[in-house]
Amino acid sequence: MKKDKVLRGCGGLIIQDNNVLLMKRTQAKYFDRIWSNPGGKIDEGETPKEALLREMKEELGIEVGIIRELGDYEWTGEDGVCGIFTGFLVEITLGTPRIKKSPKIRYPNHGKPGGI
C-alpha cells in the first residue's frame, strides 16, 4: 500500500428486523454504483468514530450509537490509490433513514428471492 496516497473512510452496518441497510452511490470516484453500507471519508483531524457519526447524519439524517468496531478493510483502486475503511456495527438512536446524498437506499431481504 502506498502510504503517501492512503484515503481513510468509515461506514456503519445497520441491521433492523434481520435486514441490512445498503446505499448505492452514483457518480462516486470509488465504489460507484455498488451497494454498500452508509459512510464516507474521514476528514483531517477526525477519528473514525467521529466521522461515522457525521456521515450518518449527512447521508441519512439519523443519529446512531456505536455497538462495536468491526475492523479495517484495505483496498486499492485502479488508479493506484489505496484506502483503509473502518467498519462499525451501529444502531439507530434517532430518526428514520432517508435519502440525502445518495439516490438509492434499501433493506434487502436476505435469503429471499431478490435479496442479497
N, C-alpha and C. Protein backbone atom coordinates (compact mmCIF):
# COMPACT_ATOMS: atom_id res chain seq x y z
N MET A 1 0.84 -1.18 0.00
CA MET A 1 0.00 0.00 0.00
C MET A 1 0.89 1.24 0.00
N LYS A 2 0.63 2.16 -0.92
CA LYS A 2 1.38 3.40 -1.00
C LYS A 2 0.94 4.31 0.14
N LYS A 3 1.85 4.56 1.08
CA LYS A 3 1.50 5.33 2.27
C LYS A 3 1.25 6.81 1.96
N ASP A 4 1.76 7.33 0.83
CA ASP A 4 1.56 8.75 0.52
C ASP A 4 0.21 9.02 -0.13
N LYS A 5 -0.53 8.00 -0.52
CA LYS A 5 -1.82 8.17 -1.16
C LYS A 5 -2.88 7.29 -0.51
N VAL A 6 -2.97 7.33 0.81
CA VAL A 6 -3.94 6.49 1.52
C VAL A 6 -5.16 7.33 1.89
N LEU A 7 -6.32 6.88 1.44
CA LEU A 7 -7.58 7.51 1.81
C LEU A 7 -8.15 6.76 3.01
N ARG A 8 -8.73 7.50 3.94
CA ARG A 8 -9.35 6.87 5.11
C ARG A 8 -10.85 7.05 5.02
N GLY A 9 -11.58 5.98 5.30
CA GLY A 9 -13.03 6.02 5.28
C GLY A 9 -13.62 5.20 6.40
N CYS A 10 -14.92 5.34 6.57
CA CYS A 10 -15.62 4.59 7.61
C CYS A 10 -17.04 4.30 7.14
N GLY A 11 -17.66 3.34 7.78
CA GLY A 11 -19.03 3.01 7.44
C GLY A 11 -19.73 2.32 8.58
N GLY A 12 -21.05 2.38 8.56
CA GLY A 12 -21.84 1.76 9.61
C GLY A 12 -22.70 0.64 9.08
N LEU A 13 -22.67 -0.48 9.75
CA LEU A 13 -23.53 -1.61 9.44
C LEU A 13 -24.77 -1.47 10.30
N ILE A 14 -25.91 -1.22 9.64
CA ILE A 14 -27.18 -1.03 10.33
C ILE A 14 -28.06 -2.23 10.01
N ILE A 15 -28.47 -2.96 11.05
CA ILE A 15 -29.34 -4.13 10.88
C ILE A 15 -30.64 -3.86 11.63
N GLN A 16 -31.76 -3.95 10.91
CA GLN A 16 -33.08 -3.80 11.52
C GLN A 16 -33.97 -4.91 11.01
N ASP A 17 -34.64 -5.60 11.91
CA ASP A 17 -35.55 -6.69 11.53
C ASP A 17 -34.87 -7.70 10.62
N ASN A 18 -33.62 -8.05 10.94
CA ASN A 18 -32.82 -9.01 10.17
C ASN A 18 -32.50 -8.56 8.75
N ASN A 19 -32.58 -7.27 8.49
CA ASN A 19 -32.23 -6.70 7.19
C ASN A 19 -31.09 -5.70 7.38
N VAL A 20 -30.20 -5.64 6.39
CA VAL A 20 -29.05 -4.74 6.41
C VAL A 20 -29.35 -3.54 5.51
N LEU A 21 -29.14 -2.34 6.03
CA LEU A 21 -29.36 -1.12 5.24
C LEU A 21 -28.18 -0.92 4.29
N LEU A 22 -28.46 -0.77 3.00
CA LEU A 22 -27.43 -0.54 1.99
C LEU A 22 -27.74 0.71 1.20
N MET A 23 -26.69 1.33 0.66
CA MET A 23 -26.82 2.50 -0.21
C MET A 23 -26.13 2.22 -1.53
N LYS A 24 -26.60 2.85 -2.57
CA LYS A 24 -25.96 2.75 -3.88
C LYS A 24 -25.64 4.16 -4.35
N ARG A 25 -24.35 4.47 -4.37
CA ARG A 25 -23.92 5.80 -4.78
C ARG A 25 -23.79 5.86 -6.31
N THR A 26 -24.03 7.03 -6.84
CA THR A 26 -23.78 7.25 -8.26
C THR A 26 -22.83 8.44 -8.37
N GLN A 27 -22.03 8.43 -9.39
CA GLN A 27 -21.05 9.47 -9.65
C GLN A 27 -20.02 9.58 -8.53
N ALA A 28 -19.71 8.45 -7.89
CA ALA A 28 -18.68 8.42 -6.86
C ALA A 28 -17.35 8.01 -7.50
N LYS A 29 -16.26 8.56 -7.02
CA LYS A 29 -14.96 8.24 -7.59
C LYS A 29 -14.58 6.78 -7.33
N TYR A 30 -14.89 6.30 -6.12
CA TYR A 30 -14.60 4.91 -5.77
C TYR A 30 -15.90 4.22 -5.36
N PHE A 31 -16.01 2.96 -5.68
CA PHE A 31 -17.18 2.14 -5.35
C PHE A 31 -18.46 2.70 -5.97
N ASP A 32 -18.36 3.23 -7.17
CA ASP A 32 -19.50 3.79 -7.88
C ASP A 32 -20.48 2.69 -8.27
N ARG A 33 -21.75 2.93 -8.04
CA ARG A 33 -22.84 2.04 -8.42
C ARG A 33 -22.77 0.66 -7.78
N ILE A 34 -22.18 0.60 -6.58
CA ILE A 34 -22.09 -0.64 -5.83
C ILE A 34 -22.89 -0.48 -4.54
N TRP A 35 -23.72 -1.47 -4.23
CA TRP A 35 -24.46 -1.42 -2.97
C TRP A 35 -23.47 -1.59 -1.82
N SER A 36 -23.50 -0.68 -0.86
CA SER A 36 -22.59 -0.75 0.28
C SER A 36 -23.26 -0.10 1.49
N ASN A 37 -22.61 -0.24 2.63
CA ASN A 37 -23.16 0.38 3.82
C ASN A 37 -22.89 1.89 3.81
N PRO A 38 -23.73 2.68 4.48
CA PRO A 38 -23.52 4.12 4.51
C PRO A 38 -22.25 4.50 5.25
N GLY A 39 -21.62 5.55 4.80
CA GLY A 39 -20.39 6.04 5.41
C GLY A 39 -19.69 6.98 4.45
N GLY A 40 -18.42 7.24 4.70
CA GLY A 40 -17.68 8.13 3.81
C GLY A 40 -16.28 8.39 4.30
N LYS A 41 -15.71 9.46 3.77
CA LYS A 41 -14.32 9.82 4.07
C LYS A 41 -14.18 10.37 5.48
N ILE A 42 -13.02 10.10 6.06
CA ILE A 42 -12.67 10.65 7.36
C ILE A 42 -11.91 11.95 7.10
N ASP A 43 -12.43 13.06 7.60
CA ASP A 43 -11.79 14.35 7.41
C ASP A 43 -10.56 14.47 8.29
N GLU A 44 -9.64 15.34 7.87
CA GLU A 44 -8.42 15.57 8.66
C GLU A 44 -8.79 16.01 10.07
N GLY A 45 -8.17 15.38 11.05
CA GLY A 45 -8.42 15.71 12.44
C GLY A 45 -9.56 14.93 13.08
N GLU A 46 -10.32 14.17 12.29
CA GLU A 46 -11.42 13.38 12.80
C GLU A 46 -10.95 11.97 13.14
N THR A 47 -11.58 11.37 14.13
CA THR A 47 -11.38 9.95 14.38
C THR A 47 -12.38 9.19 13.51
N PRO A 48 -12.16 7.91 13.27
CA PRO A 48 -13.16 7.14 12.51
C PRO A 48 -14.55 7.19 13.15
N LYS A 49 -14.63 7.15 14.46
CA LYS A 49 -15.93 7.21 15.14
C LYS A 49 -16.61 8.56 14.92
N GLU A 50 -15.86 9.65 15.03
CA GLU A 50 -16.44 10.98 14.80
C GLU A 50 -16.93 11.10 13.36
N ALA A 51 -16.15 10.61 12.42
CA ALA A 51 -16.54 10.67 11.00
C ALA A 51 -17.80 9.86 10.75
N LEU A 52 -17.90 8.70 11.37
CA LEU A 52 -19.08 7.86 11.19
C LEU A 52 -20.34 8.58 11.66
N LEU A 53 -20.29 9.17 12.83
CA LEU A 53 -21.46 9.89 13.36
C LEU A 53 -21.85 11.04 12.44
N ARG A 54 -20.86 11.76 11.92
CA ARG A 54 -21.13 12.87 10.98
C ARG A 54 -21.74 12.34 9.68
N GLU A 55 -21.16 11.28 9.13
CA GLU A 55 -21.64 10.74 7.86
C GLU A 55 -23.07 10.21 7.96
N MET A 56 -23.43 9.57 9.07
CA MET A 56 -24.80 9.06 9.23
C MET A 56 -25.80 10.21 9.21
N LYS A 57 -25.41 11.32 9.85
CA LYS A 57 -26.28 12.49 9.88
C LYS A 57 -26.37 13.13 8.49
N GLU A 58 -25.21 13.26 7.81
CA GLU A 58 -25.19 13.90 6.49
C GLU A 58 -25.90 13.06 5.43
N GLU A 59 -25.64 11.77 5.40
CA GLU A 59 -26.17 10.92 4.33
C GLU A 59 -27.61 10.48 4.56
N LEU A 60 -27.96 10.20 5.81
CA LEU A 60 -29.26 9.60 6.09
C LEU A 60 -30.15 10.40 7.04
N GLY A 61 -29.60 11.46 7.64
CA GLY A 61 -30.39 12.25 8.57
C GLY A 61 -30.70 11.53 9.87
N ILE A 62 -29.82 10.62 10.30
CA ILE A 62 -30.05 9.86 11.52
C ILE A 62 -28.88 10.02 12.49
N GLU A 63 -29.16 9.70 13.74
CA GLU A 63 -28.11 9.59 14.74
C GLU A 63 -27.99 8.12 15.10
N VAL A 64 -26.76 7.67 15.32
CA VAL A 64 -26.53 6.27 15.64
C VAL A 64 -25.68 6.14 16.88
N GLY A 65 -25.81 4.99 17.53
CA GLY A 65 -24.93 4.61 18.62
C GLY A 65 -24.03 3.50 18.11
N ILE A 66 -22.77 3.58 18.46
CA ILE A 66 -21.81 2.57 18.02
C ILE A 66 -21.84 1.40 18.99
N ILE A 67 -22.12 0.21 18.46
CA ILE A 67 -22.14 -1.00 19.28
C ILE A 67 -20.72 -1.54 19.41
N ARG A 68 -20.03 -1.64 18.26
CA ARG A 68 -18.63 -2.06 18.31
C ARG A 68 -17.96 -1.83 16.96
N GLU A 69 -16.64 -1.75 17.00
CA GLU A 69 -15.86 -1.63 15.78
C GLU A 69 -15.72 -3.02 15.17
N LEU A 70 -15.88 -3.11 13.85
CA LEU A 70 -15.78 -4.40 13.16
C LEU A 70 -14.40 -4.67 12.58
N GLY A 71 -13.61 -3.62 12.39
CA GLY A 71 -12.27 -3.80 11.85
C GLY A 71 -12.03 -2.95 10.62
N ASP A 72 -10.85 -3.14 10.03
CA ASP A 72 -10.42 -2.37 8.87
C ASP A 72 -10.38 -3.23 7.62
N TYR A 73 -10.70 -2.60 6.49
CA TYR A 73 -10.64 -3.23 5.18
C TYR A 73 -9.73 -2.37 4.32
N GLU A 74 -8.69 -2.97 3.75
CA GLU A 74 -7.77 -2.23 2.87
C GLU A 74 -8.10 -2.52 1.42
N TRP A 75 -8.03 -1.49 0.58
CA TRP A 75 -8.34 -1.66 -0.84
C TRP A 75 -7.40 -0.80 -1.68
N THR A 76 -7.29 -1.15 -2.95
CA THR A 76 -6.50 -0.38 -3.91
C THR A 76 -7.35 -0.15 -5.16
N GLY A 77 -7.48 1.11 -5.55
CA GLY A 77 -8.25 1.45 -6.74
C GLY A 77 -7.44 1.20 -8.00
N GLU A 78 -8.13 1.21 -9.13
CA GLU A 78 -7.46 1.00 -10.42
C GLU A 78 -6.41 2.07 -10.69
N ASP A 79 -6.57 3.25 -10.07
CA ASP A 79 -5.62 4.35 -10.26
C ASP A 79 -4.42 4.26 -9.32
N GLY A 80 -4.36 3.19 -8.52
CA GLY A 80 -3.24 3.00 -7.61
C GLY A 80 -3.43 3.63 -6.24
N VAL A 81 -4.50 4.40 -6.06
CA VAL A 81 -4.78 4.99 -4.76
C VAL A 81 -5.25 3.89 -3.82
N CYS A 82 -4.76 3.94 -2.59
CA CYS A 82 -5.10 2.94 -1.58
C CYS A 82 -6.00 3.55 -0.53
N GLY A 83 -6.76 2.69 0.12
CA GLY A 83 -7.63 3.16 1.18
C GLY A 83 -7.74 2.18 2.31
N ILE A 84 -8.09 2.71 3.46
CA ILE A 84 -8.39 1.90 4.64
C ILE A 84 -9.78 2.32 5.10
N PHE A 85 -10.67 1.36 5.18
CA PHE A 85 -12.06 1.59 5.54
C PHE A 85 -12.31 0.93 6.90
N THR A 86 -12.77 1.69 7.88
CA THR A 86 -13.07 1.15 9.21
C THR A 86 -14.58 0.97 9.33
N GLY A 87 -14.99 -0.25 9.65
CA GLY A 87 -16.41 -0.56 9.77
C GLY A 87 -16.86 -0.63 11.22
N PHE A 88 -18.12 -0.26 11.43
CA PHE A 88 -18.71 -0.28 12.77
C PHE A 88 -20.10 -0.89 12.70
N LEU A 89 -20.46 -1.64 13.72
CA LEU A 89 -21.83 -2.10 13.90
C LEU A 89 -22.53 -1.00 14.69
N VAL A 90 -23.65 -0.50 14.17
CA VAL A 90 -24.33 0.63 14.81
C VAL A 90 -25.82 0.36 14.92
N GLU A 91 -26.46 1.13 15.79
CA GLU A 91 -27.92 1.09 15.90
C GLU A 91 -28.45 2.51 15.78
N ILE A 92 -29.60 2.64 15.17
CA ILE A 92 -30.21 3.96 15.02
C ILE A 92 -30.77 4.38 16.37
N THR A 93 -30.38 5.58 16.83
CA THR A 93 -30.87 6.09 18.10
C THR A 93 -31.87 7.24 17.92
N LEU A 94 -31.83 7.87 16.74
CA LEU A 94 -32.76 8.97 16.48
C LEU A 94 -32.97 9.12 14.98
N GLY A 95 -34.23 9.17 14.58
CA GLY A 95 -34.56 9.42 13.19
C GLY A 95 -34.87 8.16 12.40
N THR A 96 -35.30 8.40 11.17
CA THR A 96 -35.58 7.33 10.21
C THR A 96 -34.69 7.59 9.00
N PRO A 97 -33.96 6.57 8.52
CA PRO A 97 -33.08 6.80 7.37
C PRO A 97 -33.86 7.34 6.17
N ARG A 98 -33.34 8.40 5.59
CA ARG A 98 -33.94 8.96 4.38
C ARG A 98 -32.81 9.41 3.47
N ILE A 99 -33.10 9.42 2.21
CA ILE A 99 -32.09 9.77 1.20
C ILE A 99 -31.75 11.24 1.32
N LYS A 100 -30.43 11.51 1.47
CA LYS A 100 -29.97 12.89 1.49
C LYS A 100 -28.93 13.12 0.41
N LYS A 101 -27.94 12.19 0.32
CA LYS A 101 -26.85 12.36 -0.64
C LYS A 101 -26.84 11.29 -1.72
N SER A 102 -27.43 10.16 -1.46
CA SER A 102 -27.36 9.03 -2.38
C SER A 102 -28.73 8.79 -3.00
N PRO A 103 -28.79 8.44 -4.27
CA PRO A 103 -30.09 8.28 -4.91
C PRO A 103 -30.84 7.01 -4.51
N LYS A 104 -30.19 6.02 -3.94
CA LYS A 104 -30.89 4.78 -3.62
C LYS A 104 -30.48 4.27 -2.25
N ILE A 105 -31.45 3.74 -1.51
CA ILE A 105 -31.19 3.12 -0.21
C ILE A 105 -32.23 2.02 -0.03
N ARG A 106 -31.85 0.91 0.60
CA ARG A 106 -32.81 -0.17 0.81
C ARG A 106 -32.33 -1.12 1.90
N TYR A 107 -33.30 -1.91 2.39
CA TYR A 107 -33.03 -3.03 3.27
C TYR A 107 -33.35 -4.28 2.45
N PRO A 108 -32.36 -4.94 1.85
CA PRO A 108 -32.66 -6.13 1.06
C PRO A 108 -33.12 -7.27 1.96
N ASN A 109 -33.94 -8.17 1.41
CA ASN A 109 -34.40 -9.33 2.14
C ASN A 109 -33.43 -10.46 1.98
N HIS A 110 -32.72 -10.78 3.04
CA HIS A 110 -31.73 -11.85 2.99
C HIS A 110 -32.43 -13.20 2.88
N GLY A 111 -31.90 -14.07 2.04
CA GLY A 111 -32.42 -15.42 1.91
C GLY A 111 -33.72 -15.53 1.14
N LYS A 112 -34.20 -14.45 0.58
CA LYS A 112 -35.44 -14.46 -0.19
C LYS A 112 -35.10 -14.07 -1.63
N PRO A 113 -35.92 -14.47 -2.59
CA PRO A 113 -35.66 -14.07 -3.98
C PRO A 113 -35.50 -12.56 -4.10
N GLY A 114 -34.44 -12.15 -4.77
CA GLY A 114 -34.17 -10.73 -4.96
C GLY A 114 -33.37 -10.13 -3.85
N GLY A 115 -33.11 -10.86 -2.79
CA GLY A 115 -32.32 -10.35 -1.67
C GLY A 115 -30.85 -10.53 -1.93
N ILE A 116 -30.07 -10.02 -1.03
CA ILE A 116 -28.63 -10.14 -1.16
C ILE A 116 -28.14 -11.22 -0.24
